[in-house]
PDB file of all heavy atoms in Angstrom:
ATOM      1  N   SER A   1      38.418 -20.706  38.246  1.00  0.00           N
ATOM      2  CA  SER A   1      39.524 -19.803  37.929  1.00  0.00           C
ATOM      3  C   SER A   1      39.683 -19.752  36.424  1.00  0.00           C
ATOM      4  O   SER A   1      39.417 -20.735  35.725  1.00  0.00           O
ATOM      5  CB  SER A   1      40.827 -20.281  38.568  1.00  0.00           C
ATOM      6  OG  SER A   1      41.913 -19.431  38.198  1.00  0.00           O
ATOM      7  N   THR A   2      40.109 -18.598  35.923  1.00  0.00           N
ATOM      8  CA  THR A   2      40.430 -18.489  34.505  1.00  0.00           C
ATOM      9  C   THR A   2      41.921 -18.723  34.263  1.00  0.00           C
ATOM     10  O   THR A   2      42.384 -18.655  33.131  1.00  0.00           O
ATOM     11  CB  THR A   2      40.042 -17.105  33.957  1.00  0.00           C
ATOM     12  OG1 THR A   2      40.701 -16.092  34.724  1.00  0.00           O
ATOM     13  CG2 THR A   2      38.534 -16.907  34.046  1.00  0.00           C
ATOM     14  N   ASN A   3      42.658 -19.016  35.333  1.00  0.00           N
ATOM     15  CA  ASN A   3      44.091 -19.326  35.243  1.00  0.00           C
ATOM     16  C   ASN A   3      44.281 -20.809  35.532  1.00  0.00           C
ATOM     17  O   ASN A   3      44.190 -21.241  36.681  1.00  0.00           O
ATOM     18  CB  ASN A   3      44.872 -18.478  36.247  1.00  0.00           C
ATOM     19  CG  ASN A   3      46.371 -18.724  36.168  1.00  0.00           C
ATOM     20  OD1 ASN A   3      46.833 -19.635  35.467  1.00  0.00           O
ATOM     21  ND2 ASN A   3      47.148 -17.938  36.888  1.00  0.00           N
ATOM     22  N   PRO A   4      44.560 -21.630  34.518  1.00  0.00           N
ATOM     23  CA  PRO A   4      44.661 -23.079  34.738  1.00  0.00           C
ATOM     24  C   PRO A   4      45.782 -23.484  35.676  1.00  0.00           C
ATOM     25  O   PRO A   4      45.703 -24.524  36.326  1.00  0.00           O
ATOM     26  CB  PRO A   4      44.900 -23.630  33.322  1.00  0.00           C
ATOM     27  CG  PRO A   4      45.480 -22.480  32.557  1.00  0.00           C
ATOM     28  CD  PRO A   4      44.825 -21.259  33.116  1.00  0.00           C
ATOM     29  N   ALA A   5      46.817 -22.671  35.784  1.00  0.00           N
ATOM     30  CA  ALA A   5      47.952 -22.998  36.650  1.00  0.00           C
ATOM     31  C   ALA A   5      47.551 -23.069  38.114  1.00  0.00           C
ATOM     32  O   ALA A   5      48.198 -23.742  38.919  1.00  0.00           O
ATOM     33  CB  ALA A   5      49.067 -21.971  36.459  1.00  0.00           C
ATOM     34  N   LYS A   6      46.455 -22.383  38.478  1.00  0.00           N
ATOM     35  CA  LYS A   6      46.014 -22.358  39.876  1.00  0.00           C
ATOM     36  C   LYS A   6      45.149 -23.557  40.242  1.00  0.00           C
ATOM     37  O   LYS A   6      44.888 -23.788  41.425  1.00  0.00           O
ATOM     38  CB  LYS A   6      45.220 -21.070  40.151  1.00  0.00           C
ATOM     39  CG  LYS A   6      46.049 -19.796  40.097  1.00  0.00           C
ATOM     40  CD  LYS A   6      45.190 -18.591  40.458  1.00  0.00           C
ATOM     41  CE  LYS A   6      46.029 -17.319  40.496  1.00  0.00           C
ATOM     42  NZ  LYS A   6      45.198 -16.143  40.862  1.00  0.00           N
ATOM     43  N   LYS A   7      44.677 -24.304  39.249  1.00  0.00           N
ATOM     44  CA  LYS A   7      43.701 -25.366  39.515  1.00  0.00           C
ATOM     45  C   LYS A   7      44.047 -26.638  38.733  1.00  0.00           C
ATOM     46  O   LYS A   7      43.164 -27.279  38.163  1.00  0.00           O
ATOM     47  CB  LYS A   7      42.306 -24.890  39.107  1.00  0.00           C
ATOM     48  CG  LYS A   7      41.836 -23.620  39.799  1.00  0.00           C
ATOM     49  CD  LYS A   7      41.351 -23.874  41.196  1.00  0.00           C
ATOM     50  CE  LYS A   7      40.754 -22.614  41.816  1.00  0.00           C
ATOM     51  NZ  LYS A   7      40.220 -22.836  43.160  1.00  0.00           N
ATOM     52  N   ILE A   8      45.305 -27.019  38.716  1.00  0.00           N
ATOM     53  CA  ILE A   8      45.718 -28.146  37.879  1.00  0.00           C
ATOM     54  C   ILE A   8      44.969 -29.438  38.219  1.00  0.00           C
ATOM     55  O   ILE A   8      44.453 -30.111  37.318  1.00  0.00           O
ATOM     56  CB  ILE A   8      47.243 -28.336  37.933  1.00  0.00           C
ATOM     57  CG1 ILE A   8      47.913 -27.204  37.127  1.00  0.00           C
ATOM     58  CG2 ILE A   8      47.660 -29.697  37.383  1.00  0.00           C
ATOM     59  CD1 ILE A   8      49.416 -27.242  37.119  1.00  0.00           C
ATOM     60  N   PRO A   9      44.873 -29.858  39.502  1.00  0.00           N
ATOM     61  CA  PRO A   9      44.128 -31.096  39.784  1.00  0.00           C
ATOM     62  C   PRO A   9      42.680 -31.046  39.306  1.00  0.00           C
ATOM     63  O   PRO A   9      42.170 -32.024  38.745  1.00  0.00           O
ATOM     64  CB  PRO A   9      44.212 -31.220  41.313  1.00  0.00           C
ATOM     65  CG  PRO A   9      45.443 -30.455  41.684  1.00  0.00           C
ATOM     66  CD  PRO A   9      45.484 -29.306  40.729  1.00  0.00           C
ATOM     67  N   LEU A  10      42.002 -29.902  39.509  1.00  0.00           N
ATOM     68  CA  LEU A  10      40.611 -29.769  39.056  1.00  0.00           C
ATOM     69  C   LEU A  10      40.515 -29.751  37.530  1.00  0.00           C
ATOM     70  O   LEU A  10      39.565 -30.284  36.955  1.00  0.00           O
ATOM     71  CB  LEU A  10      39.993 -28.490  39.618  1.00  0.00           C
ATOM     72  CG  LEU A  10      39.227 -28.591  40.940  1.00  0.00           C
ATOM     73  CD1 LEU A  10      38.656 -27.234  41.313  1.00  0.00           C
ATOM     74  CD2 LEU A  10      38.120 -29.624  40.870  1.00  0.00           C
ATOM     75  N   MET A  11      41.494 -29.139  36.875  1.00  0.00           N
ATOM     76  CA  MET A  11      41.510 -29.127  35.410  1.00  0.00           C
ATOM     77  C   MET A  11      41.576 -30.550  34.871  1.00  0.00           C
ATOM     78  O   MET A  11      40.864 -30.907  33.927  1.00  0.00           O
ATOM     79  CB  MET A  11      42.719 -28.326  34.910  1.00  0.00           C
ATOM     80  CG  MET A  11      42.639 -26.831  35.138  1.00  0.00           C
ATOM     81  SD  MET A  11      41.431 -26.012  34.071  1.00  0.00           S
ATOM     82  CE  MET A  11      42.120 -26.332  32.463  1.00  0.00           C
ATOM     83  N   ILE A  12      42.424 -31.359  35.480  1.00  0.00           N
ATOM     84  CA  ILE A  12      42.572 -32.750  35.038  1.00  0.00           C
ATOM     85  C   ILE A  12      41.305 -33.543  35.352  1.00  0.00           C
ATOM     86  O   ILE A  12      40.771 -34.270  34.501  1.00  0.00           O
ATOM     87  CB  ILE A  12      43.804 -33.386  35.701  1.00  0.00           C
ATOM     88  CG1 ILE A  12      45.087 -32.692  35.204  1.00  0.00           C
ATOM     89  CG2 ILE A  12      43.865 -34.887  35.434  1.00  0.00           C
ATOM     90  CD1 ILE A  12      46.338 -33.067  35.967  1.00  0.00           C
ATOM     91  N   GLU A  13      40.806 -33.399  36.579  1.00  0.00           N
ATOM     92  CA  GLU A  13      39.601 -34.127  36.997  1.00  0.00           C
ATOM     93  C   GLU A  13      38.397 -33.772  36.131  1.00  0.00           C
ATOM     94  O   GLU A  13      37.660 -34.655  35.661  1.00  0.00           O
ATOM     95  CB  GLU A  13      39.295 -33.804  38.461  1.00  0.00           C
ATOM     96  CG  GLU A  13      38.015 -34.433  38.986  1.00  0.00           C
ATOM     97  CD  GLU A  13      37.615 -33.905  40.358  1.00  0.00           C
ATOM     98  OE1 GLU A  13      38.482 -33.345  41.068  1.00  0.00           O
ATOM     99  OE2 GLU A  13      36.428 -34.043  40.711  1.00  0.00           O
ATOM    100  N   GLY A  14      38.189 -32.472  35.908  1.00  0.00           N
ATOM    101  CA  GLY A  14      37.035 -32.041  35.131  1.00  0.00           C
ATOM    102  C   GLY A  14      37.114 -32.466  33.673  1.00  0.00           C
ATOM    103  O   GLY A  14      36.108 -32.863  33.075  1.00  0.00           O
ATOM    104  N   SER A  15      38.309 -32.415  33.088  1.00  0.00           N
ATOM    105  CA  SER A  15      38.480 -32.825  31.696  1.00  0.00           C
ATOM    106  C   SER A  15      38.189 -34.312  31.542  1.00  0.00           C
ATOM    107  O   SER A  15      37.494 -34.735  30.602  1.00  0.00           O
ATOM    108  CB  SER A  15      39.894 -32.512  31.220  1.00  0.00           C
ATOM    109  OG  SER A  15      40.153 -31.123  31.269  1.00  0.00           O
ATOM    110  N   LYS A  16      38.697 -35.116  32.456  1.00  0.00           N
ATOM    111  CA  LYS A  16      38.459 -36.565  32.390  1.00  0.00           C
ATOM    112  C   LYS A  16      36.972 -36.877  32.546  1.00  0.00           C
ATOM    113  O   LYS A  16      36.407 -37.716  31.828  1.00  0.00           O
ATOM    114  CB  LYS A  16      39.251 -37.297  33.469  1.00  0.00           C
ATOM    115  CG  LYS A  16      39.030 -38.821  33.455  1.00  0.00           C
ATOM    116  CD  LYS A  16      39.769 -39.511  34.572  1.00  0.00           C
ATOM    117  CE  LYS A  16      39.641 -41.033  34.449  1.00  0.00           C
ATOM    118  NZ  LYS A  16      38.239 -41.511  34.428  1.00  0.00           N
ATOM    119  N   MET A  17      36.331 -36.209  33.496  1.00  0.00           N
ATOM    120  CA  MET A  17      34.912 -36.447  33.742  1.00  0.00           C
ATOM    121  C   MET A  17      34.077 -36.144  32.491  1.00  0.00           C
ATOM    122  O   MET A  17      33.183 -36.906  32.107  1.00  0.00           O
ATOM    123  CB  MET A  17      34.452 -35.569  34.905  1.00  0.00           C
ATOM    124  CG  MET A  17      33.035 -35.835  35.373  1.00  0.00           C
ATOM    125  SD  MET A  17      32.684 -34.898  36.880  1.00  0.00           S
ATOM    126  CE  MET A  17      31.327 -33.910  36.316  1.00  0.00           C
ATOM    127  N   MET A  18      34.390 -35.032  31.821  1.00  0.00           N
ATOM    128  CA  MET A  18      33.653 -34.656  30.619  1.00  0.00           C
ATOM    129  C   MET A  18      33.911 -35.634  29.473  1.00  0.00           C
ATOM    130  O   MET A  18      32.990 -36.021  28.749  1.00  0.00           O
ATOM    131  CB  MET A  18      34.031 -33.238  30.191  1.00  0.00           C
ATOM    132  CG  MET A  18      33.499 -32.168  31.119  1.00  0.00           C
ATOM    133  SD  MET A  18      31.688 -32.137  31.161  1.00  0.00           S
ATOM    134  CE  MET A  18      31.410 -30.631  32.075  1.00  0.00           C
ATOM    135  N   VAL A  19      35.158 -36.053  29.309  1.00  0.00           N
ATOM    136  CA  VAL A  19      35.466 -36.991  28.230  1.00  0.00           C
ATOM    137  C   VAL A  19      34.804 -38.340  28.486  1.00  0.00           C
ATOM    138  O   VAL A  19      34.253 -38.953  27.564  1.00  0.00           O
ATOM    139  CB  VAL A  19      36.996 -37.145  28.069  1.00  0.00           C
ATOM    140  CG1 VAL A  19      37.323 -38.284  27.093  1.00  0.00           C
ATOM    141  CG2 VAL A  19      37.612 -35.849  27.561  1.00  0.00           C
ATOM    142  N   ASP A  20      34.836 -38.800  29.725  1.00  0.00           N
ATOM    143  CA  ASP A  20      34.173 -40.072  30.058  1.00  0.00           C
ATOM    144  C   ASP A  20      32.687 -40.013  29.706  1.00  0.00           C
ATOM    145  O   ASP A  20      32.113 -40.980  29.184  1.00  0.00           O
ATOM    146  CB  ASP A  20      34.342 -40.400  31.538  1.00  0.00           C
ATOM    147  CG  ASP A  20      35.763 -40.828  31.884  1.00  0.00           C
ATOM    148  OD1 ASP A  20      36.545 -41.120  30.954  1.00  0.00           O
ATOM    149  OD2 ASP A  20      36.087 -40.873  33.090  1.00  0.00           O
ATOM    150  N   PHE A  21      32.067 -38.887  30.003  1.00  0.00           N
ATOM    151  CA  PHE A  21      30.646 -38.694  29.685  1.00  0.00           C
ATOM    152  C   PHE A  21      30.427 -38.722  28.168  1.00  0.00           C
ATOM    153  O   PHE A  21      29.498 -39.354  27.669  1.00  0.00           O
ATOM    154  CB  PHE A  21      30.172 -37.358  30.271  1.00  0.00           C
ATOM    155  CG  PHE A  21      28.719 -37.056  30.059  1.00  0.00           C
ATOM    156  CD1 PHE A  21      27.749 -37.663  30.831  1.00  0.00           C
ATOM    157  CD2 PHE A  21      28.324 -36.160  29.072  1.00  0.00           C
ATOM    158  CE1 PHE A  21      26.400 -37.380  30.630  1.00  0.00           C
ATOM    159  CE2 PHE A  21      26.989 -35.870  28.862  1.00  0.00           C
ATOM    160  CZ  PHE A  21      26.018 -36.486  29.648  1.00  0.00           C
ATOM    161  N   CYS A  22      31.309 -38.054  27.432  1.00  0.00           N
ATOM    162  CA  CYS A  22      31.169 -37.978  25.979  1.00  0.00           C
ATOM    163  C   CYS A  22      31.419 -39.320  25.295  1.00  0.00           C
ATOM    164  O   CYS A  22      30.840 -39.596  24.239  1.00  0.00           O
ATOM    165  CB  CYS A  22      32.135 -36.938  25.416  1.00  0.00           C
ATOM    166  SG  CYS A  22      31.704 -35.238  25.832  1.00  0.00           S
ATOM    167  N   ARG A  23      32.273 -40.150  25.866  1.00  0.00           N
ATOM    168  CA  ARG A  23      32.559 -41.459  25.252  1.00  0.00           C
ATOM    169  C   ARG A  23      31.291 -42.318  25.178  1.00  0.00           C
ATOM    170  O   ARG A  23      31.169 -43.174  24.301  1.00  0.00           O
ATOM    171  CB  ARG A  23      33.634 -42.191  26.045  1.00  0.00           C
ATOM    172  CG  ARG A  23      35.061 -41.692  25.787  1.00  0.00           C
ATOM    173  CD  ARG A  23      36.073 -42.632  26.394  1.00  0.00           C
ATOM    174  NE  ARG A  23      37.437 -42.138  26.343  1.00  0.00           N
ATOM    175  CZ  ARG A  23      38.266 -42.311  25.309  1.00  0.00           C
ATOM    176  NH1 ARG A  23      37.840 -42.959  24.237  1.00  0.00           N
ATOM    177  NH2 ARG A  23      39.498 -41.848  25.348  1.00  0.00           N
ATOM    178  N   LEU A  24      30.358 -42.086  26.081  1.00  0.00           N
ATOM    179  CA  LEU A  24      29.110 -42.838  26.079  1.00  0.00           C
ATOM    180  C   LEU A  24      28.145 -42.364  25.007  1.00  0.00           C
ATOM    181  O   LEU A  24      27.188 -43.063  24.674  1.00  0.00           O
ATOM    182  CB  LEU A  24      28.427 -42.721  27.453  1.00  0.00           C
ATOM    183  CG  LEU A  24      29.227 -43.202  28.663  1.00  0.00           C
ATOM    184  CD1 LEU A  24      28.471 -42.872  29.943  1.00  0.00           C
ATOM    185  CD2 LEU A  24      29.509 -44.695  28.569  1.00  0.00           C
ATOM    186  N   LYS A  25      28.382 -41.166  24.460  1.00  0.00           N
ATOM    187  CA  LYS A  25      27.396 -40.538  23.591  1.00  0.00           C
ATOM    188  C   LYS A  25      27.887 -40.261  22.178  1.00  0.00           C
ATOM    189  O   LYS A  25      27.095 -39.883  21.320  1.00  0.00           O
ATOM    190  CB  LYS A  25      26.942 -39.204  24.208  1.00  0.00           C
ATOM    191  CG  LYS A  25      26.167 -39.365  25.514  1.00  0.00           C
ATOM    192  CD  LYS A  25      25.820 -38.017  26.106  1.00  0.00           C
ATOM    193  CE  LYS A  25      24.841 -38.163  27.264  1.00  0.00           C
ATOM    194  NZ  LYS A  25      23.483 -38.489  26.834  1.00  0.00           N
ATOM    195  N   SER A  26      29.196 -40.401  21.917  1.00  0.00           N
ATOM    196  CA  SER A  26      29.709 -40.009  20.610  1.00  0.00           C
ATOM    197  C   SER A  26      30.848 -40.919  20.165  1.00  0.00           C
ATOM    198  O   SER A  26      31.453 -41.628  20.960  1.00  0.00           O
ATOM    199  CB  SER A  26      30.178 -38.554  20.645  1.00  0.00           C
ATOM    200  OG  SER A  26      31.052 -38.330  21.728  1.00  0.00           O
ATOM    201  N   GLU A  27      31.121 -40.849  18.868  1.00  0.00           N
ATOM    202  CA  GLU A  27      32.166 -41.688  18.279  1.00  0.00           C
ATOM    203  C   GLU A  27      33.527 -41.017  18.286  1.00  0.00           C
ATOM    204  O   GLU A  27      34.569 -41.679  18.329  1.00  0.00           O
ATOM    205  CB  GLU A  27      31.783 -42.028  16.831  1.00  0.00           C
ATOM    206  CG  GLU A  27      30.445 -42.734  16.701  1.00  0.00           C
ATOM    207  CD  GLU A  27      29.956 -42.728  15.272  1.00  0.00           C
ATOM    208  OE1 GLU A  27      30.426 -43.595  14.495  1.00  0.00           O
ATOM    209  OE2 GLU A  27      29.126 -41.879  14.921  1.00  0.00           O
ATOM    210  N   ILE A  28      33.528 -39.694  18.210  1.00  0.00           N
ATOM    211  CA  ILE A  28      34.765 -38.907  18.219  1.00  0.00           C
ATOM    212  C   ILE A  28      34.609 -37.777  19.222  1.00  0.00           C
ATOM    213  O   ILE A  28      33.557 -37.134  19.290  1.00  0.00           O
ATOM    214  CB  ILE A  28      35.071 -38.335  16.818  1.00  0.00           C
ATOM    215  CG1 ILE A  28      35.314 -39.479  15.819  1.00  0.00           C
ATOM    216  CG2 ILE A  28      36.278 -37.413  16.859  1.00  0.00           C
ATOM    217  CD1 ILE A  28      35.502 -39.008  14.387  1.00  0.00           C
ATOM    218  N   ILE A  29      35.650 -37.537  20.015  1.00  0.00           N
ATOM    219  CA  ILE A  29      35.645 -36.440  20.991  1.00  0.00           C
ATOM    220  C   ILE A  29      36.841 -35.545  20.705  1.00  0.00           C
ATOM    221  O   ILE A  29      37.977 -36.028  20.651  1.00  0.00           O
ATOM    222  CB  ILE A  29      35.734 -36.946  22.442  1.00  0.00           C
ATOM    223  CG1 ILE A  29      34.597 -37.933  22.737  1.00  0.00           C
ATOM    224  CG2 ILE A  29      35.701 -35.799  23.431  1.00  0.00           C
ATOM    225  CD1 ILE A  29      35.077 -39.257  23.235  1.00  0.00           C
TER     226      ILE A  29
END
């Protein structure tokens, strides 16, 4: 969805998943 209000749980889940992945590869996110 392009409307974040419709997918709040997925928005949170996806953001966390991406940040967790980036923490393994970079110093600043």
